[in-house]
Amino acid sequence: MSDTIPIYLARVERAPAKVFFDRRELQVILHLYGRMVQAGEWRDYAIDGLHDQAIFSAFRRASEMPAFCIVKQPRLADRQGQYAVTGGGGQILKRGRELSLVLRVLERKLLKLVR
């Protein structure tokens, strides 16, 4: 008999990288945010980078639920598009592959009738 002791090597798994907005995306989102603040629609924001999605939440007041969320989900890029705008109740207002096209649903609030 041999006195061998089996050694089990544990696999070291890395945590998946967090999804976040890149510089170009943040520039477009923050430009819209600045215009909405100037119009008096939004007052605060929050950015969350999660494992499967990145979320930009815009608030009318700091103590409320978000009025709108801009969501980036790369796993949906081939299907429905990786960008989505959701309303305060969680309903999806617009989804698509291009961020600027998806944000048009929010830019309608900036348009006012000029007489």
Protein backbone atom coordinates (compact mmCIF):
# COMPACT_ATOMS: atom_id res chain seq x y z
CA MET A 1 0.00 0.00 0.00
CA SER A 2 1.11 3.48 -0.74
CA ASP A 3 0.52 6.38 1.56
CA THR A 4 -0.66 8.87 -1.03
CA ILE A 5 -3.03 11.60 -0.13
CA PRO A 6 -5.17 12.98 -2.92
CA ILE A 7 -4.98 16.73 -3.30
CA TYR A 8 -7.94 18.51 -4.81
CA LEU A 9 -7.17 21.81 -6.45
CA ALA A 10 -9.88 24.37 -6.24
CA ARG A 11 -10.62 26.37 -9.34
CA VAL A 12 -10.17 30.04 -8.89
CA GLU A 13 -12.97 31.78 -10.70
CA ARG A 14 -12.77 35.46 -11.36
CA ALA A 15 -15.75 37.59 -10.77
CA PRO A 16 -17.24 38.69 -14.07
CA ALA A 17 -16.37 42.21 -15.09
CA LYS A 18 -18.93 44.84 -14.26
CA VAL A 19 -20.81 46.49 -17.10
CA PHE A 20 -20.47 50.25 -17.27
CA PHE A 21 -21.05 53.08 -19.70
CA ASP A 22 -18.04 54.08 -21.79
CA ARG A 23 -16.89 57.67 -22.20
CA ARG A 24 -18.93 58.38 -25.37
CA GLU A 25 -22.11 56.99 -23.82
CA LEU A 26 -21.64 58.99 -20.62
CA GLN A 27 -21.02 62.14 -22.64
CA VAL A 28 -24.35 61.72 -24.48
CA ILE A 29 -26.25 60.85 -21.28
CA LEU A 30 -24.78 63.71 -19.23
CA HIS A 31 -25.46 66.18 -22.05
CA LEU A 32 -29.13 65.18 -21.93
CA TYR A 33 -29.06 65.32 -18.12
CA GLY A 34 -27.71 68.88 -18.19
CA ARG A 35 -30.45 70.02 -20.54
CA MET A 36 -33.13 68.35 -18.40
CA VAL A 37 -31.75 70.05 -15.27
CA GLN A 38 -31.80 73.37 -17.06
CA ALA A 39 -35.44 72.76 -18.03
CA GLY A 40 -36.27 71.96 -14.40
CA GLU A 41 -37.27 68.34 -15.05
CA TRP A 42 -34.47 66.51 -13.22
CA ARG A 43 -32.50 67.37 -10.08
CA ASP A 44 -30.31 64.38 -9.23
CA TYR A 45 -28.87 61.21 -10.76
CA ALA A 46 -27.23 57.92 -9.82
CA ILE A 47 -25.08 55.52 -11.82
CA ASP A 48 -24.91 51.80 -11.02
CA GLY A 49 -22.48 49.34 -12.60
CA LEU A 50 -23.71 45.80 -12.06
CA HIS A 51 -22.51 42.44 -13.34
CA ASP A 52 -25.04 42.23 -16.17
CA GLN A 53 -26.15 45.82 -16.71
CA ALA A 54 -25.32 49.50 -16.17
CA ILE A 55 -28.05 51.88 -15.02
CA PHE A 56 -28.25 55.69 -15.11
CA SER A 57 -31.17 56.79 -12.93
CA ALA A 58 -32.56 60.33 -13.11
CA PHE A 59 -34.58 61.77 -10.22
CA ARG A 60 -37.01 64.67 -10.04
CA ARG A 61 -36.19 64.99 -6.33
CA ALA A 62 -33.39 63.32 -4.42
CA SER A 63 -35.70 61.43 -2.06
CA GLU A 64 -37.95 59.82 -4.68
CA MET A 65 -37.89 56.80 -6.90
CA PRO A 66 -36.15 57.47 -10.23
CA ALA A 67 -38.30 59.22 -12.83
CA PHE A 68 -36.42 57.51 -15.68
CA CYS A 69 -33.64 54.95 -16.02
CA ILE A 70 -31.27 54.48 -18.93
CA VAL A 71 -30.16 50.85 -18.96
CA LYS A 72 -27.31 49.18 -20.85
CA GLN A 73 -27.49 45.37 -21.12
CA PRO A 74 -24.79 44.02 -23.48
CA ARG A 75 -26.25 40.50 -23.49
CA LEU A 76 -29.30 41.87 -25.37
CA ALA A 77 -27.22 43.59 -28.06
CA ASP A 78 -27.92 40.96 -30.71
CA ARG A 79 -31.61 40.57 -29.91
CA GLN A 80 -33.52 43.68 -28.86
CA GLY A 81 -30.69 46.16 -28.52
CA GLN A 82 -28.53 46.81 -25.51
CA TYR A 83 -30.00 50.21 -24.56
CA ALA A 84 -33.38 50.83 -22.95
CA VAL A 85 -35.21 53.72 -21.31
CA THR A 86 -37.58 52.75 -18.52
CA GLY A 87 -40.17 54.88 -16.78
CA GLY A 88 -40.70 55.34 -13.07
CA GLY A 89 -42.97 52.30 -12.82
CA GLY A 90 -40.48 50.02 -14.58
CA GLN A 91 -42.20 49.99 -17.98
CA ILE A 92 -39.87 50.02 -20.98
CA LEU A 93 -40.47 53.20 -22.98
CA LYS A 94 -37.94 52.56 -25.75
CA ARG A 95 -35.33 49.91 -26.59
CA GLY A 96 -32.73 49.85 -29.33
CA ARG A 97 -29.17 49.43 -30.52
CA GLU A 98 -28.27 53.14 -30.77
CA LEU A 99 -28.16 55.21 -27.58
CA SER A 100 -28.98 58.51 -29.27
CA LEU A 101 -32.09 57.03 -30.91
CA VAL A 102 -33.29 55.53 -27.63
CA LEU A 103 -32.84 58.84 -25.78
CA ARG A 104 -35.15 60.65 -28.21
CA VAL A 105 -38.11 59.50 -26.13
CA LEU A 106 -36.78 61.68 -23.28
CA GLU A 107 -35.88 64.64 -25.49
CA ARG A 108 -39.54 65.11 -26.39
CA LYS A 109 -40.02 66.62 -22.94
CA LEU A 110 -37.62 69.41 -23.91
CA LEU A 111 -39.63 70.43 -26.96
CA LYS A 112 -42.06 73.23 -26.23
CA LEU A 113 -44.51 74.98 -28.49
CA VAL A 114 -43.14 78.37 -29.51
CA ARG A 115 -45.68 80.99 -30.62
